[in-house]
Amino acid sequence: MDPTSHELAEVFYWNREAMATDMGMYMTLLFGYLVLVYFVGNKLDKAEAILISVLYSAFSFFLLLGLLSAVGNLIETGQKMGRLAEYSDAVYVGPVTIFLSWVLSIWYMIRVRR
């Protein structure tokens, strides 16, 4: 049995909410990491800086995977609803933003540690 348009709309908006939640959690993680680097980055020894950066990277990767999953579900649901054209380009902004901000934040830690 195929889902109704109301069920598809509900799944569609759940996935949008999941994307927004993942981005919000990542922004919290990113700003926490940047604050830590700014205030104590130059006082950390190499092992502490690596441990903190690895933990930050692991959680960032986990959130990126969650966001990519929501993007995939959003695209699939959008195709079934015939509304994909509204969101086709915008859905990739979040994952690209997370990846680029992760790269820049790790670069900032390395720069502060020198």
C-alpha atoms as a PDB file:
ATOM      1  CA  MET A   1       0.000   0.000   0.000  1.00  0.00           C
ATOM      2  CA  ASP A   2       1.403   3.380  -1.009  1.00  0.00           C
ATOM      3  CA  PRO A   3       1.605   6.142   1.582  1.00  0.00           C
ATOM      4  CA  THR A   4      -0.897   8.960   1.361  1.00  0.00           C
ATOM      5  CA  SER A   5       0.142  12.517   0.560  1.00  0.00           C
ATOM      6  CA  HIS A   6      -0.427  13.469   4.198  1.00  0.00           C
ATOM      7  CA  GLU A   7       1.882  10.693   5.406  1.00  0.00           C
ATOM      8  CA  LEU A   8       4.547  11.749   2.905  1.00  0.00           C
ATOM      9  CA  ALA A   9       4.240  15.358   4.014  1.00  0.00           C
ATOM     10  CA  GLU A  10       4.656  14.304   7.636  1.00  0.00           C
ATOM     11  CA  VAL A  11       7.806  12.286   6.837  1.00  0.00           C
ATOM     12  CA  PHE A  12       9.090  15.161   4.713  1.00  0.00           C
ATOM     13  CA  TYR A  13       8.758  17.652   7.577  1.00  0.00           C
ATOM     14  CA  TRP A  14      10.223  15.183  10.096  1.00  0.00           C
ATOM     15  CA  ASN A  15      13.316  14.960   7.931  1.00  0.00           C
ATOM     16  CA  ARG A  16      13.551  18.747   7.683  1.00  0.00           C
ATOM     17  CA  GLU A  17      13.297  18.921  11.463  1.00  0.00           C
ATOM     18  CA  ALA A  18      16.015  16.257  11.808  1.00  0.00           C
ATOM     19  CA  MET A  19      18.284  18.303   9.536  1.00  0.00           C
ATOM     20  CA  ALA A  20      17.686  21.449  11.573  1.00  0.00           C
ATOM     21  CA  THR A  21      18.348  19.578  14.823  1.00  0.00           C
ATOM     22  CA  ASP A  22      21.590  18.088  13.488  1.00  0.00           C
ATOM     23  CA  MET A  23      22.776  21.508  12.342  1.00  0.00           C
ATOM     24  CA  GLY A  24      21.925  23.017  15.721  1.00  0.00           C
ATOM     25  CA  MET A  25      23.811  20.292  17.568  1.00  0.00           C
ATOM     26  CA  TYR A  26      26.798  20.730  15.263  1.00  0.00           C
ATOM     27  CA  MET A  27      26.844  24.495  15.782  1.00  0.00           C
ATOM     28  CA  THR A  28      26.907  23.924  19.552  1.00  0.00           C
ATOM     29  CA  LEU A  29      29.772  21.443  19.169  1.00  0.00           C
ATOM     30  CA  LEU A  30      31.678  23.752  16.808  1.00  0.00           C
ATOM     31  CA  PHE A  31      31.395  26.831  19.026  1.00  0.00           C
ATOM     32  CA  GLY A  32      32.365  24.815  22.098  1.00  0.00           C
ATOM     33  CA  TYR A  33      35.471  23.578  20.292  1.00  0.00           C
ATOM     34  CA  LEU A  34      36.355  27.073  19.048  1.00  0.00           C
ATOM     35  CA  VAL A  35      35.956  28.562  22.528  1.00  0.00           C
ATOM     36  CA  LEU A  36      38.161  25.819  23.973  1.00  0.00           C
ATOM     37  CA  VAL A  37      40.811  26.402  21.314  1.00  0.00           C
ATOM     38  CA  TYR A  38      40.720  30.170  21.773  1.00  0.00           C
ATOM     39  CA  PHE A  39      41.036  30.161  25.548  1.00  0.00           C
ATOM     40  CA  VAL A  40      43.232  27.119  26.288  1.00  0.00           C
ATOM     41  CA  GLY A  41      44.493  25.835  22.935  1.00  0.00           C
ATOM     42  CA  ASN A  42      48.025  27.140  23.391  1.00  0.00           C
ATOM     43  CA  LYS A  43      48.194  25.674  26.936  1.00  0.00           C
ATOM     44  CA  LEU A  44      47.337  22.121  25.857  1.00  0.00           C
ATOM     45  CA  ASP A  45      50.114  19.644  25.300  1.00  0.00           C
ATOM     46  CA  LYS A  46      50.185  17.699  22.046  1.00  0.00           C
ATOM     47  CA  ALA A  47      48.416  14.601  23.426  1.00  0.00           C
ATOM     48  CA  GLU A  48      45.561  16.660  24.911  1.00  0.00           C
ATOM     49  CA  ALA A  49      45.102  18.645  21.709  1.00  0.00           C
ATOM     50  CA  ILE A  50      45.009  15.437  19.653  1.00  0.00           C
ATOM     51  CA  LEU A  51      42.554  13.745  22.027  1.00  0.00           C
ATOM     52  CA  ILE A  52      40.201  16.730  22.056  1.00  0.00           C
ATOM     53  CA  SER A  53      40.417  17.084  18.265  1.00  0.00           C
ATOM     54  CA  VAL A  54      39.783  13.374  17.699  1.00  0.00           C
ATOM     55  CA  LEU A  55      36.715  13.436  19.963  1.00  0.00           C
ATOM     56  CA  TYR A  56      35.462  16.597  18.273  1.00  0.00           C
ATOM     57  CA  SER A  57      36.050  15.034  14.839  1.00  0.00           C
ATOM     58  CA  ALA A  58      34.260  11.808  15.804  1.00  0.00           C
ATOM     59  CA  PHE A  59      31.173  13.663  17.035  1.00  0.00           C
ATOM     60  CA  SER A  60      31.270  15.936  13.974  1.00  0.00           C
ATOM     61  CA  PHE A  61      31.420  12.896  11.692  1.00  0.00           C
ATOM     62  CA  PHE A  62      28.510  11.291  13.578  1.00  0.00           C
ATOM     63  CA  LEU A  63      26.399  14.429  13.122  1.00  0.00           C
ATOM     64  CA  LEU A  64      27.416  14.658   9.458  1.00  0.00           C
ATOM     65  CA  LEU A  65      26.252  11.077   8.886  1.00  0.00           C
ATOM     66  CA  GLY A  66      22.943  11.853  10.586  1.00  0.00           C
ATOM     67  CA  LEU A  67      22.521  14.917   8.423  1.00  0.00           C
ATOM     68  CA  LEU A  68      23.337  12.987   5.251  1.00  0.00           C
ATOM     69  CA  SER A  69      20.791  10.344   6.234  1.00  0.00           C
ATOM     70  CA  ALA A  70      18.140  13.022   6.704  1.00  0.00           C
ATOM     71  CA  VAL A  71      19.111  14.566   3.352  1.00  0.00           C
ATOM     72  CA  GLY A  72      18.714  11.188   1.635  1.00  0.00           C
ATOM     73  CA  ASN A  73      15.320  10.643   3.249  1.00  0.00           C
ATOM     74  CA  LEU A  74      14.255  14.173   2.379  1.00  0.00           C
ATOM     75  CA  ILE A  75      15.199  13.698  -1.279  1.00  0.00           C
ATOM     76  CA  GLU A  76      13.449  10.329  -1.457  1.00  0.00           C
ATOM     77  CA  THR A  77      10.287  11.694   0.144  1.00  0.00           C
ATOM     78  CA  GLY A  78      10.448  14.837  -1.995  1.00  0.00           C
ATOM     79  CA  GLN A  79      10.609  12.712  -5.137  1.00  0.00           C
ATOM     80  CA  LYS A  80       7.545  10.745  -4.075  1.00  0.00           C
ATOM     81  CA  MET A  81       5.707  13.985  -3.356  1.00  0.00           C
ATOM     82  CA  GLY A  82       6.832  15.670  -6.573  1.00  0.00           C
ATOM     83  CA  ARG A  83       8.334  18.547  -4.555  1.00  0.00           C
ATOM     84  CA  LEU A  84      12.018  17.813  -4.961  1.00  0.00           C
ATOM     85  CA  ALA A  85      12.655  20.846  -7.147  1.00  0.00           C
ATOM     86  CA  GLU A  86      11.998  23.129  -4.172  1.00  0.00           C
ATOM     87  CA  TYR A  87      14.798  21.618  -2.109  1.00  0.00           C
ATOM     88  CA  SER A  88      17.195  19.900  -4.512  1.00  0.00           C
ATOM     89  CA  ASP A  89      20.099  22.349  -4.153  1.00  0.00           C
ATOM     90  CA  ALA A  90      19.461  23.574  -0.624  1.00  0.00           C
ATOM     91  CA  VAL A  91      19.651  20.150   1.015  1.00  0.00           C
ATOM     92  CA  TYR A  92      23.394  19.927   0.395  1.00  0.00           C
ATOM     93  CA  VAL A  93      24.232  23.234   2.087  1.00  0.00           C
ATOM     94  CA  GLY A  94      24.229  21.682   5.574  1.00  0.00           C
ATOM     95  CA  PRO A  95      26.646  18.804   4.896  1.00  0.00           C
ATOM     96  CA  VAL A  96      29.021  21.055   2.948  1.00  0.00           C
ATOM     97  CA  THR A  97      28.898  23.649   5.734  1.00  0.00           C
ATOM     98  CA  ILE A  98      29.682  21.035   8.377  1.00  0.00           C
ATOM     99  CA  PHE A  99      32.615  19.655   6.415  1.00  0.00           C
ATOM    100  CA  LEU A 100      34.144  23.053   5.637  1.00  0.00           C
ATOM    101  CA  SER A 101      33.710  24.353   9.176  1.00  0.00           C
ATOM    102  CA  TRP A 102      35.262  21.142  10.542  1.00  0.00           C
ATOM    103  CA  VAL A 103      38.314  21.599   8.285  1.00  0.00           C
ATOM    104  CA  LEU A 104      38.688  25.250   9.286  1.00  0.00           C
ATOM    105  CA  SER A 105      38.279  24.528  13.001  1.00  0.00           C
ATOM    106  CA  ILE A 106      40.967  21.818  12.928  1.00  0.00           C
ATOM    107  CA  TRP A 107      43.212  24.243  11.013  1.00  0.00           C
ATOM    108  CA  TYR A 108      42.558  26.848  13.729  1.00  0.00           C
ATOM    109  CA  MET A 109      43.627  24.386  16.449  1.00  0.00           C
ATOM    110  CA  ILE A 110      46.845  23.651  14.563  1.00  0.00           C
ATOM    111  CA  ARG A 111      47.471  27.374  14.063  1.00  0.00           C
ATOM    112  CA  VAL A 112      46.918  28.195  17.751  1.00  0.00           C
ATOM    113  CA  ARG A 113      49.160  25.323  18.851  1.00  0.00           C
ATOM    114  CA  ARG A 114      52.189  26.665  16.905  1.00  0.00           C
END
